[in-house]
Protein backbone atom coordinates (compact mmCIF):
# COMPACT_ATOMS: atom_id res chain seq x y z
CA MET A 1 77.74 95.03 116.13
CA SER A 2 80.54 93.21 118.12
CA ALA A 3 83.01 94.13 120.04
CA GLY A 4 86.65 93.73 119.20
CA THR A 5 87.97 92.56 115.88
CA ASP A 6 85.19 90.55 114.66
CA ILE A 7 83.72 91.60 111.63
CA GLU A 8 79.99 90.56 111.42
CA ASP A 9 79.73 91.25 107.69
CA PRO A 10 82.84 91.37 105.76
CA GLN A 11 80.92 92.85 102.75
CA SER A 12 79.73 95.86 104.44
CA LEU A 13 83.40 96.75 103.83
CA ASN A 14 83.26 96.33 100.43
CA ARG A 15 80.58 98.51 100.08
CA ALA A 16 82.12 101.17 102.27
CA GLY A 17 84.82 101.12 100.19
CA SER A 18 82.61 101.23 97.12
CA GLY A 19 80.52 104.52 98.56
CA ALA A 20 83.97 106.29 99.42
CA ARG A 21 84.94 105.27 95.82
CA GLU A 22 81.63 107.17 94.65
CA VAL A 23 81.56 110.07 96.86
CA ALA A 24 85.27 110.51 95.47
CA ALA A 25 84.11 110.83 92.01
CA GLN A 26 81.28 112.85 93.10
CA THR A 27 83.46 115.19 95.04
CA ARG A 28 85.58 116.15 91.84
CA THR A 29 82.75 116.61 89.61
CA ALA A 30 80.93 118.67 92.04
CA GLY A 31 83.97 120.47 92.87
CA ALA A 32 85.04 121.24 89.12
CA HIS A 33 82.23 123.44 88.47
CA PRO A 34 82.77 126.33 90.95
CA VAL A 35 86.59 126.26 90.31
CA ASP A 36 85.89 126.40 86.36
CA GLU A 37 83.44 129.78 87.13
CA THR A 38 85.82 131.25 90.08
CA ARG A 39 88.76 130.88 87.33
CA SER A 40 86.88 132.57 84.40
CA ALA A 41 85.56 135.36 87.07
CA SER A 42 89.42 135.96 88.33
CA ARG A 43 90.06 136.59 84.49
CA ASP A 44 87.82 139.05 83.98
CA PHE A 45 88.36 141.22 86.98
CA GLY A 46 92.33 140.79 86.76
CA SER A 47 92.06 143.04 83.35
CA GLY A 48 91.25 146.44 82.14
CA ASP A 49 89.37 148.84 84.28
CA TRP A 50 89.69 146.44 87.54
CA ASP A 51 92.84 146.96 89.37
CA GLY A 52 91.86 146.83 92.64
CA GLY A 53 93.25 143.24 93.35
CA LEU A 54 89.85 141.35 93.01
CA GLY A 55 91.57 139.02 89.66
CA GLY A 56 94.37 138.21 92.17
CA ALA A 57 91.75 137.26 95.26
CA LEU A 58 89.88 134.89 93.05
CA THR A 59 93.02 132.95 91.74
CA GLY A 60 93.90 132.56 95.14
CA LEU A 61 90.49 131.21 96.13
CA ALA A 62 90.42 129.26 93.10
CA GLU A 63 93.52 127.53 93.88
CA ILE A 64 92.59 126.60 97.39
CA TRP A 65 88.95 125.44 96.58
CA SER A 66 91.10 123.13 93.79
CA SER A 67 93.75 122.00 96.80
CA GLN A 68 90.88 121.21 98.86
CA VAL A 69 88.67 119.21 96.71
CA SER A 70 91.48 117.25 95.25
CA ALA A 71 92.20 116.50 99.20
CA LEU A 72 89.03 115.43 100.05
CA ALA A 73 89.10 113.63 97.01
CA SER A 74 92.16 111.62 97.65
CA ASP A 75 91.09 111.18 101.34
CA CYS A 76 87.98 109.44 99.89
CA ASP A 77 90.06 107.08 97.64
CA SER A 78 92.56 106.12 100.36
CA LEU A 79 89.21 104.73 102.75
CA ALA A 80 88.21 103.05 99.74
CA GLY A 81 91.40 101.35 99.23
CA GLN A 82 91.64 100.56 103.02
CA CYS A 83 87.97 99.57 103.68
CA GLY A 84 88.37 97.06 100.45
CA GLY A 85 91.50 95.63 101.47
CA SER A 86 90.49 95.05 104.99
CA GLY A 87 87.45 93.35 103.59
CA MET A 88 89.57 90.99 101.43
CA LEU A 89 91.85 90.13 104.08
CA TYR A 90 89.32 89.26 106.17
CA GLN A 91 87.71 87.17 104.22
CA ARG A 92 90.84 85.51 102.75
CA THR A 93 92.17 84.63 106.47
CA GLU A 94 88.61 83.58 107.66
CA ALA A 95 88.50 81.27 103.97
CA ALA A 96 92.15 80.26 105.43
CA ASN A 97 91.08 79.33 109.19
CA THR A 98 88.57 77.35 107.82
CA GLN A 99 90.44 75.31 105.56
CA THR A 100 92.83 74.83 108.20
CA MET A 101 90.38 73.71 110.81
CA ARG A 102 88.73 71.56 108.50
CA SER A 103 92.07 69.56 107.35
CA LEU A 104 92.50 69.02 111.38
CA SER A 105 89.06 67.71 112.16
CA GLY A 106 90.08 64.40 111.14
CA GLU A 107 93.07 64.05 113.42
CA PRO A 108 92.56 63.42 116.92
CA SER A 109 93.13 66.52 119.23
CA PRO A 110 96.40 66.90 120.89
CA PHE A 111 94.34 68.77 123.95
CA GLY A 112 92.07 65.32 124.95
């Protein structure tokens, strides 16, 4: 890959964006299962003979887990948007530059 801001394969940005969006979806799906199980367990340990705080600790754990899963999935979605947007912007700019240069090719160069 070249140095600077040159993008040799702008489609790679689109693929990276698609991949990040897929990771976000998988993160949400995979992250939901432990939360559901932990919340269920917290209800089981939050009543009856269990008064040692295990139910509350499990509820807190489920909330933290859920928050972290949401944050990670959101970051993946953001990355997907940035990659996709950058790829499209790069392609549009290159197309506009190419069109402009072609339109100038019939004119005499002011530089000699």
